[in-house]
Amino acid sequence: MDERKLSLEAFSEALASASPTPGGGGAGAYAASLGAALCVMAGHFTVNKKKFAEKVPEIEAIMAEASDISSRLTLLVEKDAEAFEPLSKAYSIPKDDPSRDEVMESCLRGAAEVPMEVLRLSARTIELHEALLDGKVSPIIVSDVASGAVLAWSAMYASALNVRVNTSSMKDREYAKALDSEAEKLVDAHWRTAEKIYKEVYGRFV
């Protein structure tokens, strides 16, 4: 099943089904993709405003990067499902099979790398929203900027969970700890930024 080609309703139904894919990883990637898309939309709404004429090159650069990120995240929705399938099969390998550990380790790495990439892109999406909010977006659209940052924020946490669930079973603890450390650093460095964006924008309407 190619989750990228499903309607919103069909994707939601697939998530709710008894199938393990799509699951939290794919949902997180899609949420982050929507967050990045909102960054592009906010830029489109702003670039034609005379007030922001001098900042158009900066805004367009942000839009271009956010558009690329959104596309990459959409691809990762499907890749997350693809990475889970071999891992699911690996768990059924008998424990006394001498190839089990090697196969499991390879599958766990593949399954962890997808949410790790989603986490990286989610963190970058938050940075792009912060850059837009810094005088590069129409006041009319700031709630959408904050919404995009919050979607990326939630995707970042979902991805960190999906990284950890796979690294926890890895035999190569050095590799696992390196991924865990990167995930923790990204979350720690960006959740405050997302919260700041949310509070700043929310405060404008109080």
N, C-alpha and C. Protein backbone atom coordinates (compact mmCIF):
# COMPACT_ATOMS: atom_id res chain seq x y z
N MET A 1 0.84 -1.20 0.00
CA MET A 1 0.00 0.00 0.00
C MET A 1 0.88 1.25 0.00
N ASP A 2 0.60 2.17 -0.94
CA ASP A 2 1.35 3.42 -0.98
C ASP A 2 0.54 4.47 -0.23
N GLU A 3 0.93 4.74 1.03
CA GLU A 3 0.17 5.68 1.87
C GLU A 3 0.12 7.07 1.27
N ARG A 4 1.11 7.41 0.43
CA ARG A 4 1.14 8.75 -0.16
C ARG A 4 -0.03 9.00 -1.09
N LYS A 5 -0.62 7.93 -1.62
CA LYS A 5 -1.69 8.07 -2.60
C LYS A 5 -3.08 7.90 -1.99
N LEU A 6 -3.14 7.69 -0.69
CA LEU A 6 -4.43 7.53 -0.03
C LEU A 6 -5.09 8.89 0.20
N SER A 7 -6.41 8.91 0.20
CA SER A 7 -7.12 10.12 0.58
C SER A 7 -6.95 10.31 2.09
N LEU A 8 -7.27 11.50 2.57
CA LEU A 8 -7.18 11.75 4.01
C LEU A 8 -8.04 10.75 4.78
N GLU A 9 -9.24 10.50 4.28
CA GLU A 9 -10.14 9.57 4.96
C GLU A 9 -9.57 8.15 4.93
N ALA A 10 -9.04 7.75 3.78
CA ALA A 10 -8.49 6.39 3.66
C ALA A 10 -7.26 6.21 4.54
N PHE A 11 -6.43 7.25 4.62
CA PHE A 11 -5.24 7.16 5.47
C PHE A 11 -5.64 7.03 6.93
N SER A 12 -6.64 7.80 7.32
CA SER A 12 -7.12 7.73 8.70
C SER A 12 -7.69 6.35 9.00
N GLU A 13 -8.41 5.78 8.05
CA GLU A 13 -8.97 4.44 8.23
C GLU A 13 -7.87 3.39 8.30
N ALA A 14 -6.81 3.58 7.49
CA ALA A 14 -5.69 2.65 7.52
C ALA A 14 -4.98 2.71 8.87
N LEU A 15 -4.84 3.91 9.41
CA LEU A 15 -4.23 4.06 10.73
C LEU A 15 -5.05 3.34 11.80
N ALA A 16 -6.35 3.38 11.65
CA ALA A 16 -7.24 2.80 12.66
C ALA A 16 -7.42 1.30 12.51
N SER A 17 -6.90 0.73 11.44
CA SER A 17 -7.08 -0.70 11.18
C SER A 17 -6.19 -1.56 12.08
N ALA A 18 -6.36 -2.87 11.96
CA ALA A 18 -5.56 -3.81 12.76
C ALA A 18 -4.15 -3.96 12.22
N SER A 19 -3.88 -3.42 11.04
CA SER A 19 -2.54 -3.51 10.46
C SER A 19 -1.58 -2.60 11.21
N PRO A 20 -0.35 -3.06 11.45
CA PRO A 20 0.62 -2.22 12.16
C PRO A 20 1.16 -1.06 11.31
N THR A 21 0.91 -1.11 10.00
CA THR A 21 1.33 -0.01 9.13
C THR A 21 0.14 0.45 8.28
N PRO A 22 -0.04 1.77 8.13
CA PRO A 22 0.79 2.82 8.73
C PRO A 22 0.55 2.90 10.24
N GLY A 23 1.56 3.38 10.94
CA GLY A 23 1.47 3.50 12.39
C GLY A 23 1.94 4.86 12.86
N GLY A 24 2.46 4.89 14.08
CA GLY A 24 2.89 6.16 14.66
C GLY A 24 3.99 6.85 13.88
N GLY A 25 4.90 6.04 13.31
CA GLY A 25 5.99 6.63 12.54
C GLY A 25 5.49 7.34 11.29
N GLY A 26 4.59 6.67 10.57
CA GLY A 26 4.04 7.28 9.35
C GLY A 26 3.18 8.48 9.67
N ALA A 27 2.40 8.38 10.74
CA ALA A 27 1.55 9.50 11.14
C ALA A 27 2.41 10.71 11.53
N GLY A 28 3.53 10.44 12.21
CA GLY A 28 4.43 11.52 12.59
C GLY A 28 5.04 12.20 11.38
N ALA A 29 5.45 11.39 10.41
CA ALA A 29 6.03 11.94 9.18
C ALA A 29 5.02 12.80 8.44
N TYR A 30 3.78 12.34 8.41
CA TYR A 30 2.74 13.09 7.70
C TYR A 30 2.43 14.40 8.43
N ALA A 31 2.39 14.35 9.76
CA ALA A 31 2.15 15.56 10.53
C ALA A 31 3.25 16.59 10.29
N ALA A 32 4.49 16.12 10.24
CA ALA A 32 5.61 17.02 9.98
C ALA A 32 5.54 17.58 8.57
N SER A 33 5.09 16.75 7.62
CA SER A 33 4.93 17.22 6.24
C SER A 33 3.91 18.34 6.17
N LEU A 34 2.82 18.19 6.90
CA LEU A 34 1.80 19.24 6.94
C LEU A 34 2.36 20.51 7.60
N GLY A 35 3.17 20.32 8.62
CA GLY A 35 3.79 21.47 9.28
C GLY A 35 4.68 22.25 8.33
N ALA A 36 5.47 21.53 7.52
CA ALA A 36 6.33 22.19 6.55
C ALA A 36 5.51 22.86 5.45
N ALA A 37 4.41 22.21 5.05
CA ALA A 37 3.55 22.78 4.02
C ALA A 37 2.93 24.10 4.48
N LEU A 38 2.61 24.20 5.76
CA LEU A 38 2.07 25.45 6.29
C LEU A 38 3.10 26.57 6.23
N CYS A 39 4.37 26.21 6.36
CA CYS A 39 5.44 27.19 6.23
C CYS A 39 5.45 27.76 4.80
N VAL A 40 5.28 26.89 3.83
CA VAL A 40 5.23 27.32 2.43
C VAL A 40 4.01 28.20 2.19
N MET A 41 2.86 27.78 2.71
CA MET A 41 1.64 28.56 2.54
C MET A 41 1.77 29.96 3.12
N ALA A 42 2.36 30.05 4.30
CA ALA A 42 2.53 31.36 4.93
C ALA A 42 3.43 32.25 4.09
N GLY A 43 4.44 31.64 3.48
CA GLY A 43 5.32 32.41 2.60
C GLY A 43 4.59 32.91 1.37
N HIS A 44 3.79 32.04 0.75
CA HIS A 44 3.01 32.43 -0.43
C HIS A 44 2.09 33.60 -0.11
N PHE A 45 1.50 33.57 1.06
CA PHE A 45 0.56 34.61 1.47
C PHE A 45 1.26 35.95 1.68
N THR A 46 2.56 35.89 1.95
CA THR A 46 3.32 37.08 2.34
C THR A 46 4.09 37.73 1.19
N VAL A 47 4.61 36.96 0.27
CA VAL A 47 5.56 37.50 -0.72
C VAL A 47 5.00 38.61 -1.60
N ASN A 48 3.71 38.64 -1.78
CA ASN A 48 3.12 39.68 -2.64
C ASN A 48 2.70 40.94 -1.88
N LYS A 49 2.97 40.97 -0.59
CA LYS A 49 2.64 42.15 0.21
C LYS A 49 3.76 43.18 0.08
N LYS A 50 3.41 44.40 -0.26
CA LYS A 50 4.41 45.46 -0.47
C LYS A 50 5.30 45.65 0.76
N LYS A 51 4.71 45.50 1.92
CA LYS A 51 5.43 45.69 3.17
C LYS A 51 6.65 44.77 3.28
N PHE A 52 6.60 43.61 2.62
CA PHE A 52 7.66 42.62 2.75
C PHE A 52 8.52 42.50 1.50
N ALA A 53 8.42 43.49 0.61
CA ALA A 53 9.14 43.44 -0.67
C ALA A 53 10.64 43.21 -0.50
N GLU A 54 11.25 43.86 0.47
CA GLU A 54 12.69 43.73 0.66
C GLU A 54 13.10 42.36 1.19
N LYS A 55 12.14 41.66 1.75
CA LYS A 55 12.45 40.37 2.36
C LYS A 55 12.05 39.18 1.49
N VAL A 56 11.58 39.48 0.29
CA VAL A 56 11.12 38.41 -0.60
C VAL A 56 12.18 37.34 -0.84
N PRO A 57 13.45 37.70 -1.13
CA PRO A 57 14.45 36.65 -1.34
C PRO A 57 14.59 35.71 -0.14
N GLU A 58 14.57 36.26 1.07
CA GLU A 58 14.67 35.42 2.27
C GLU A 58 13.45 34.54 2.42
N ILE A 59 12.29 35.12 2.18
CA ILE A 59 11.04 34.35 2.30
C ILE A 59 11.00 33.23 1.28
N GLU A 60 11.40 33.53 0.05
CA GLU A 60 11.38 32.50 -0.99
C GLU A 60 12.37 31.38 -0.71
N ALA A 61 13.50 31.72 -0.11
CA ALA A 61 14.47 30.69 0.26
C ALA A 61 13.89 29.76 1.33
N ILE A 62 13.19 30.34 2.29
CA ILE A 62 12.54 29.55 3.33
C ILE A 62 11.46 28.66 2.72
N MET A 63 10.68 29.23 1.82
CA MET A 63 9.62 28.47 1.15
C MET A 63 10.18 27.29 0.36
N ALA A 64 11.26 27.53 -0.36
CA ALA A 64 11.86 26.48 -1.18
C ALA A 64 12.34 25.32 -0.31
N GLU A 65 13.00 25.65 0.80
CA GLU A 65 13.49 24.59 1.69
C GLU A 65 12.34 23.86 2.35
N ALA A 66 11.33 24.60 2.79
CA ALA A 66 10.18 23.97 3.44
C ALA A 66 9.42 23.06 2.48
N SER A 67 9.33 23.48 1.22
CA SER A 67 8.65 22.66 0.22
C SER A 67 9.40 21.36 -0.02
N ASP A 68 10.71 21.45 -0.09
CA ASP A 68 11.53 20.25 -0.26
C ASP A 68 11.38 19.32 0.94
N ILE A 69 11.38 19.89 2.14
CA ILE A 69 11.23 19.09 3.35
C ILE A 69 9.87 18.40 3.37
N SER A 70 8.82 19.13 3.01
CA SER A 70 7.48 18.55 3.00
C SER A 70 7.41 17.35 2.05
N SER A 71 8.02 17.48 0.89
CA SER A 71 8.04 16.37 -0.08
C SER A 71 8.82 15.18 0.46
N ARG A 72 9.95 15.45 1.08
CA ARG A 72 10.76 14.36 1.64
C ARG A 72 10.02 13.64 2.76
N LEU A 73 9.31 14.39 3.58
CA LEU A 73 8.56 13.79 4.67
C LEU A 73 7.41 12.93 4.16
N THR A 74 6.79 13.35 3.07
CA THR A 74 5.72 12.55 2.49
C THR A 74 6.26 11.20 2.02
N LEU A 75 7.45 11.22 1.44
CA LEU A 75 8.09 9.96 1.03
C LEU A 75 8.39 9.08 2.24
N LEU A 76 8.74 9.71 3.35
CA LEU A 76 9.09 8.95 4.55
C LEU A 76 7.88 8.28 5.19
N VAL A 77 6.68 8.75 4.88
CA VAL A 77 5.47 8.06 5.36
C VAL A 77 5.49 6.63 4.84
N GLU A 78 5.76 6.47 3.55
CA GLU A 78 5.80 5.14 2.94
C GLU A 78 7.05 4.37 3.37
N LYS A 79 8.17 5.07 3.46
CA LYS A 79 9.41 4.40 3.84
C LYS A 79 9.33 3.82 5.25
N ASP A 80 8.58 4.48 6.13
CA ASP A 80 8.41 3.97 7.48
C ASP A 80 7.71 2.61 7.45
N ALA A 81 6.69 2.51 6.62
CA ALA A 81 5.97 1.24 6.50
C ALA A 81 6.87 0.17 5.87
N GLU A 82 7.64 0.58 4.88
CA GLU A 82 8.54 -0.37 4.19
C GLU A 82 9.61 -0.91 5.15
N ALA A 83 10.09 -0.04 6.06
CA ALA A 83 11.13 -0.46 7.00
C ALA A 83 10.59 -1.41 8.06
N PHE A 84 9.29 -1.27 8.37
CA PHE A 84 8.71 -2.13 9.42
C PHE A 84 8.50 -3.56 8.94
N GLU A 85 8.20 -3.73 7.67
CA GLU A 85 7.87 -5.08 7.17
C GLU A 85 8.98 -6.10 7.40
N PRO A 86 10.24 -5.81 7.00
CA PRO A 86 11.30 -6.80 7.25
C PRO A 86 11.57 -7.00 8.74
N LEU A 87 11.38 -5.96 9.53
CA LEU A 87 11.58 -6.10 10.98
C LEU A 87 10.53 -7.03 11.56
N SER A 88 9.29 -6.87 11.10
CA SER A 88 8.21 -7.73 11.57
C SER A 88 8.51 -9.19 11.26
N LYS A 89 9.06 -9.45 10.08
CA LYS A 89 9.41 -10.82 9.69
C LYS A 89 10.60 -11.33 10.51
N ALA A 90 11.54 -10.43 10.81
CA ALA A 90 12.73 -10.83 11.56
C ALA A 90 12.37 -11.32 12.96
N TYR A 91 11.35 -10.72 13.56
CA TYR A 91 10.94 -11.14 14.90
C TYR A 91 10.45 -12.59 14.93
N SER A 92 10.02 -13.09 13.76
CA SER A 92 9.50 -14.46 13.71
C SER A 92 10.60 -15.50 13.47
N ILE A 93 11.83 -15.03 13.26
CA ILE A 93 12.95 -15.97 13.08
C ILE A 93 13.20 -16.70 14.41
N PRO A 94 13.29 -18.00 14.40
CA PRO A 94 13.53 -18.75 15.66
C PRO A 94 14.78 -18.23 16.39
N LYS A 95 14.71 -18.19 17.68
CA LYS A 95 15.81 -17.63 18.47
C LYS A 95 17.08 -18.47 18.40
N ASP A 96 16.94 -19.72 18.02
CA ASP A 96 18.13 -20.56 17.90
C ASP A 96 18.74 -20.52 16.50
N ASP A 97 18.16 -19.72 15.62
CA ASP A 97 18.71 -19.56 14.27
C ASP A 97 19.95 -18.68 14.36
N PRO A 98 21.11 -19.15 13.90
CA PRO A 98 22.36 -18.38 14.02
C PRO A 98 22.35 -17.06 13.25
N SER A 99 21.45 -16.92 12.30
CA SER A 99 21.40 -15.68 11.51
C SER A 99 20.49 -14.62 12.13
N ARG A 100 19.77 -15.01 13.18
CA ARG A 100 18.74 -14.12 13.72
C ARG A 100 19.30 -12.78 14.18
N ASP A 101 20.35 -12.79 14.98
CA ASP A 101 20.88 -11.55 15.53
C ASP A 101 21.33 -10.57 14.45
N GLU A 102 21.98 -11.10 13.43
CA GLU A 102 22.47 -10.23 12.36
C GLU A 102 21.31 -9.63 11.56
N VAL A 103 20.33 -10.45 11.26
CA VAL A 103 19.15 -9.97 10.52
C VAL A 103 18.39 -8.94 11.35
N MET A 104 18.18 -9.25 12.62
CA MET A 104 17.47 -8.34 13.51
C MET A 104 18.17 -6.99 13.59
N GLU A 105 19.48 -7.03 13.75
CA GLU A 105 20.24 -5.78 13.89
C GLU A 105 20.10 -4.91 12.65
N SER A 106 20.19 -5.53 11.49
CA SER A 106 20.06 -4.79 10.24
C SER A 106 18.66 -4.18 10.10
N CYS A 107 17.65 -4.96 10.45
CA CYS A 107 16.26 -4.48 10.35
C CYS A 107 15.98 -3.37 11.37
N LEU A 108 16.53 -3.51 12.56
CA LEU A 108 16.33 -2.48 13.59
C LEU A 108 16.97 -1.15 13.17
N ARG A 109 18.14 -1.24 12.54
CA ARG A 109 18.79 -0.03 12.05
C ARG A 109 17.94 0.66 10.99
N GLY A 110 17.41 -0.13 10.07
CA GLY A 110 16.57 0.43 9.03
C GLY A 110 15.31 1.05 9.59
N ALA A 111 14.72 0.39 10.56
CA ALA A 111 13.49 0.89 11.17
C ALA A 111 13.74 2.14 12.00
N ALA A 112 14.94 2.29 12.58
CA ALA A 112 15.25 3.46 13.39
C ALA A 112 15.65 4.66 12.54
N GLU A 113 16.26 4.41 11.39
CA GLU A 113 16.77 5.50 10.58
C GLU A 113 15.66 6.37 9.99
N VAL A 114 14.51 5.76 9.66
CA VAL A 114 13.42 6.55 9.08
C VAL A 114 12.89 7.58 10.08
N PRO A 115 12.49 7.19 11.30
CA PRO A 115 12.03 8.20 12.24
C PRO A 115 13.14 9.19 12.64
N MET A 116 14.39 8.73 12.58
CA MET A 116 15.49 9.65 12.88
C MET A 116 15.53 10.76 11.84
N GLU A 117 15.33 10.41 10.58
CA GLU A 117 15.31 11.42 9.53
C GLU A 117 14.08 12.32 9.66
N VAL A 118 12.95 11.74 10.05
CA VAL A 118 11.75 12.55 10.28
C VAL A 118 12.02 13.55 11.41
N LEU A 119 12.70 13.09 12.45
CA LEU A 119 13.03 13.96 13.58
C LEU A 119 13.91 15.13 13.12
N ARG A 120 14.93 14.81 12.33
CA ARG A 120 15.82 15.87 11.83
C ARG A 120 15.05 16.90 11.01
N LEU A 121 14.18 16.42 10.13
CA LEU A 121 13.43 17.33 9.27
C LEU A 121 12.38 18.10 10.06
N SER A 122 11.81 17.48 11.08
CA SER A 122 10.85 18.18 11.94
C SER A 122 11.53 19.33 12.68
N ALA A 123 12.72 19.06 13.18
CA ALA A 123 13.48 20.08 13.90
C ALA A 123 13.79 21.25 12.96
N ARG A 124 14.19 20.94 11.75
CA ARG A 124 14.48 22.00 10.79
C ARG A 124 13.23 22.78 10.42
N THR A 125 12.10 22.11 10.35
CA THR A 125 10.84 22.79 10.06
C THR A 125 10.51 23.82 11.13
N ILE A 126 10.76 23.47 12.37
CA ILE A 126 10.54 24.41 13.47
C ILE A 126 11.43 25.64 13.29
N GLU A 127 12.68 25.42 12.90
CA GLU A 127 13.60 26.54 12.66
C GLU A 127 13.09 27.45 11.54
N LEU A 128 12.54 26.86 10.51
CA LEU A 128 12.04 27.66 9.38
C LEU A 128 10.83 28.49 9.80
N HIS A 129 9.97 27.93 10.61
CA HIS A 129 8.83 28.70 11.11
C HIS A 129 9.31 29.86 12.00
N GLU A 130 10.31 29.58 12.79
CA GLU A 130 10.87 30.65 13.63
C GLU A 130 11.43 31.77 12.76
N ALA A 131 12.10 31.41 11.66
CA ALA A 131 12.67 32.40 10.76
C ALA A 131 11.58 33.25 10.11
N LEU A 132 10.46 32.63 9.75
CA LEU A 132 9.35 33.37 9.16
C LEU A 132 8.75 34.34 10.17
N LEU A 133 8.61 33.88 11.37
CA LEU A 133 7.97 34.70 12.40
C LEU A 133 8.80 35.92 12.75
N ASP A 134 10.08 35.88 12.42
CA ASP A 134 10.99 36.99 12.69
C ASP A 134 10.86 38.07 11.61
N GLY A 135 9.68 38.66 11.52
CA GLY A 135 9.47 39.78 10.61
C GLY A 135 9.36 39.43 9.15
N LYS A 136 9.09 38.16 8.83
CA LYS A 136 9.03 37.75 7.42
C LYS A 136 7.69 37.15 7.05
N VAL A 137 6.66 37.43 7.83
CA VAL A 137 5.35 36.86 7.54
C VAL A 137 4.25 37.85 7.90
N SER A 138 3.20 37.85 7.09
CA SER A 138 2.07 38.74 7.34
C SER A 138 1.43 38.41 8.70
N PRO A 139 1.07 39.43 9.46
CA PRO A 139 0.42 39.21 10.76
C PRO A 139 -0.87 38.40 10.64
N ILE A 140 -1.48 38.46 9.47
CA ILE A 140 -2.75 37.76 9.26
C ILE A 140 -2.57 36.25 9.30
N ILE A 141 -1.35 35.79 9.04
CA ILE A 141 -1.10 34.36 8.86
C ILE A 141 -0.26 33.75 9.99
N VAL A 142 0.00 34.52 11.05
CA VAL A 142 0.89 34.01 12.11
C VAL A 142 0.33 32.79 12.82
N SER A 143 -0.99 32.66 12.89
CA SER A 143 -1.56 31.48 13.55
C SER A 143 -1.21 30.21 12.77
N ASP A 144 -1.10 30.34 11.45
CA ASP A 144 -0.74 29.18 10.63
C ASP A 144 0.74 28.82 10.81
N VAL A 145 1.56 29.84 11.01
CA VAL A 145 2.98 29.61 11.30
C VAL A 145 3.11 28.83 12.61
N ALA A 146 2.38 29.29 13.62
CA ALA A 146 2.44 28.60 14.91
C ALA A 146 1.87 27.18 14.81
N SER A 147 0.81 27.02 14.03
CA SER A 147 0.23 25.69 13.84
C SER A 147 1.23 24.75 13.18
N GLY A 148 1.96 25.27 12.19
CA GLY A 148 2.97 24.46 11.52
C GLY A 148 4.08 24.04 12.46
N ALA A 149 4.50 24.97 13.32
CA ALA A 149 5.54 24.66 14.28
C ALA A 149 5.08 23.61 15.29
N VAL A 150 3.81 23.71 15.71
CA VAL A 150 3.26 22.75 16.67
C VAL A 150 3.14 21.36 16.05
N LEU A 151 2.75 21.29 14.78
CA LEU A 151 2.69 20.00 14.11
C LEU A 151 4.08 19.35 14.03
N ALA A 152 5.07 20.16 13.70
CA ALA A 152 6.45 19.64 13.64
C ALA A 152 6.93 19.24 15.03
N TRP A 153 6.52 19.98 16.02
CA TRP A 153 6.86 19.70 17.43
C TRP A 153 6.34 18.32 17.82
N SER A 154 5.06 18.06 17.52
CA SER A 154 4.48 16.76 17.88
C SER A 154 5.14 15.63 17.09
N ALA A 155 5.45 15.90 15.82
CA ALA A 155 6.12 14.89 15.00
C ALA A 155 7.50 14.57 15.53
N MET A 156 8.16 15.58 16.07
CA MET A 156 9.50 15.40 16.62
C MET A 156 9.45 14.41 17.81
N TYR A 157 8.47 14.57 18.68
CA TYR A 157 8.34 13.67 19.82
C TYR A 157 7.95 12.26 19.37
N ALA A 158 7.01 12.17 18.42
CA ALA A 158 6.60 10.87 17.91
C ALA A 158 7.79 10.13 17.29
N SER A 159 8.61 10.88 16.58
CA SER A 159 9.78 10.27 15.93
C SER A 159 10.81 9.81 16.96
N ALA A 160 11.02 10.62 17.99
CA ALA A 160 11.97 10.24 19.04
C ALA A 160 11.54 8.92 19.70
N LEU A 161 10.24 8.77 19.91
CA LEU A 161 9.73 7.52 20.48
C LEU A 161 10.02 6.34 19.56
N ASN A 162 9.83 6.55 18.26
CA ASN A 162 10.03 5.47 17.31
C ASN A 162 11.51 5.14 17.10
N VAL A 163 12.37 6.11 17.30
CA VAL A 163 13.80 5.82 17.29
C VAL A 163 14.14 4.94 18.49
N ARG A 164 13.65 5.36 19.65
CA ARG A 164 14.00 4.68 20.90
C ARG A 164 13.49 3.25 20.96
N VAL A 165 12.29 3.00 20.44
CA VAL A 165 11.74 1.66 20.50
C VAL A 165 12.59 0.68 19.70
N ASN A 166 13.28 1.18 18.69
CA ASN A 166 14.15 0.32 17.90
C ASN A 166 15.56 0.22 18.47
N THR A 167 16.11 1.32 18.93
CA THR A 167 17.47 1.28 19.49
C THR A 167 17.52 0.46 20.77
N SER A 168 16.41 0.40 21.49
CA SER A 168 16.39 -0.34 22.76
C SER A 168 16.64 -1.83 22.56
N SER A 169 16.39 -2.35 21.35
CA SER A 169 16.57 -3.77 21.09
C SER A 169 17.87 -4.08 20.36
N MET A 170 18.64 -3.07 20.04
CA MET A 170 19.88 -3.28 19.28
C MET A 170 20.97 -3.91 20.14
N LYS A 171 21.73 -4.82 19.55
CA LYS A 171 22.87 -5.42 20.23
C LYS A 171 24.07 -4.47 20.23
N ASP A 172 24.18 -3.70 19.15
CA ASP A 172 25.29 -2.73 19.04
C ASP A 172 24.92 -1.51 19.86
N ARG A 173 25.30 -1.52 21.11
CA ARG A 173 24.88 -0.45 22.02
C ARG A 173 25.56 0.89 21.70
N GLU A 174 26.75 0.84 21.13
CA GLU A 174 27.43 2.08 20.77
C GLU A 174 26.64 2.82 19.68
N TYR A 175 26.21 2.06 18.67
CA TYR A 175 25.42 2.65 17.58
C TYR A 175 24.08 3.14 18.13
N ALA A 176 23.45 2.34 18.98
CA ALA A 176 22.16 2.70 19.56
C ALA A 176 22.27 3.98 20.38
N LYS A 177 23.31 4.07 21.19
CA LYS A 177 23.50 5.25 22.04
C LYS A 177 23.76 6.50 21.20
N ALA A 178 24.44 6.33 20.07
CA ALA A 178 24.71 7.48 19.21
C ALA A 178 23.40 8.03 18.63
N LEU A 179 22.52 7.13 18.18
CA LEU A 179 21.22 7.57 17.66
C LEU A 179 20.38 8.20 18.76
N ASP A 180 20.34 7.56 19.91
CA ASP A 180 19.57 8.09 21.04
C ASP A 180 20.07 9.49 21.42
N SER A 181 21.38 9.65 21.44
CA SER A 181 21.97 10.94 21.81
C SER A 181 21.59 12.02 20.81
N GLU A 182 21.65 11.70 19.52
CA GLU A 182 21.27 12.69 18.51
C GLU A 182 19.80 13.07 18.65
N ALA A 183 18.95 12.05 18.86
CA ALA A 183 17.52 12.31 19.00
C ALA A 183 17.25 13.20 20.21
N GLU A 184 17.88 12.89 21.32
CA GLU A 184 17.68 13.67 22.54
C GLU A 184 18.15 15.11 22.38
N LYS A 185 19.27 15.28 21.70
CA LYS A 185 19.79 16.64 21.50
C LYS A 185 18.88 17.47 20.60
N LEU A 186 18.35 16.84 19.55
CA LEU A 186 17.45 17.56 18.65
C LEU A 186 16.16 17.96 19.38
N VAL A 187 15.61 17.04 20.14
CA VAL A 187 14.39 17.36 20.88
C VAL A 187 14.65 18.47 21.89
N ASP A 188 15.75 18.33 22.63
CA ASP A 188 16.07 19.32 23.65
C ASP A 188 16.33 20.71 23.06
N ALA A 189 16.93 20.73 21.87
CA ALA A 189 17.27 22.01 21.24
C ALA A 189 16.08 22.68 20.58
N HIS A 190 15.01 21.92 20.26
CA HIS A 190 13.94 22.51 19.47
C HIS A 190 12.57 22.58 20.13
N TRP A 191 12.32 21.83 21.21
CA TRP A 191 11.00 21.91 21.80
C TRP A 191 10.75 23.29 22.39
N ARG A 192 11.80 23.89 22.94
CA ARG A 192 11.63 25.23 23.51
C ARG A 192 11.31 26.26 22.43
N THR A 193 11.92 26.08 21.26
CA THR A 193 11.65 27.00 20.14
C THR A 193 10.19 26.89 19.72
N ALA A 194 9.71 25.65 19.58
CA ALA A 194 8.32 25.45 19.19
C ALA A 194 7.37 26.01 20.24
N GLU A 195 7.68 25.79 21.50
CA GLU A 195 6.84 26.32 22.57
C GLU A 195 6.86 27.84 22.57
N LYS A 196 8.02 28.42 22.31
CA LYS A 196 8.14 29.88 22.25
C LYS A 196 7.27 30.45 21.14
N ILE A 197 7.30 29.80 19.98
CA ILE A 197 6.48 30.24 18.85
C ILE A 197 5.00 30.17 19.22
N TYR A 198 4.61 29.05 19.81
CA TYR A 198 3.22 28.87 20.21
C TYR A 198 2.78 29.95 21.20
N LYS A 199 3.57 30.16 22.23
CA LYS A 199 3.20 31.13 23.27
C LYS A 199 3.20 32.56 22.72
N GLU A 200 4.18 32.86 21.87
CA GLU A 200 4.24 34.22 21.31
C GLU A 200 3.01 34.51 20.46
N VAL A 201 2.65 33.59 19.61
CA VAL A 201 1.51 33.81 18.73
C VAL A 201 0.20 33.76 19.51
N TYR A 202 0.08 32.80 20.41
CA TYR A 202 -1.14 32.71 21.24
C TYR A 202 -1.33 34.00 22.03
N GLY A 203 -0.22 34.54 22.53
CA GLY A 203 -0.30 35.76 23.33
C GLY A 203 -0.78 36.98 22.55
N ARG A 204 -0.63 36.93 21.23
CA ARG A 204 -1.08 38.08 20.43
C ARG A 204 -2.60 38.21 20.39
N PHE A 205 -3.29 37.12 20.73
CA PHE A 205 -4.75 37.12 20.63
C PHE A 205 -5.43 37.09 21.98
N VAL A 206 -4.67 37.28 23.02
CA VAL A 206 -5.25 37.28 24.37
C VAL A 206 -5.62 38.70 24.77
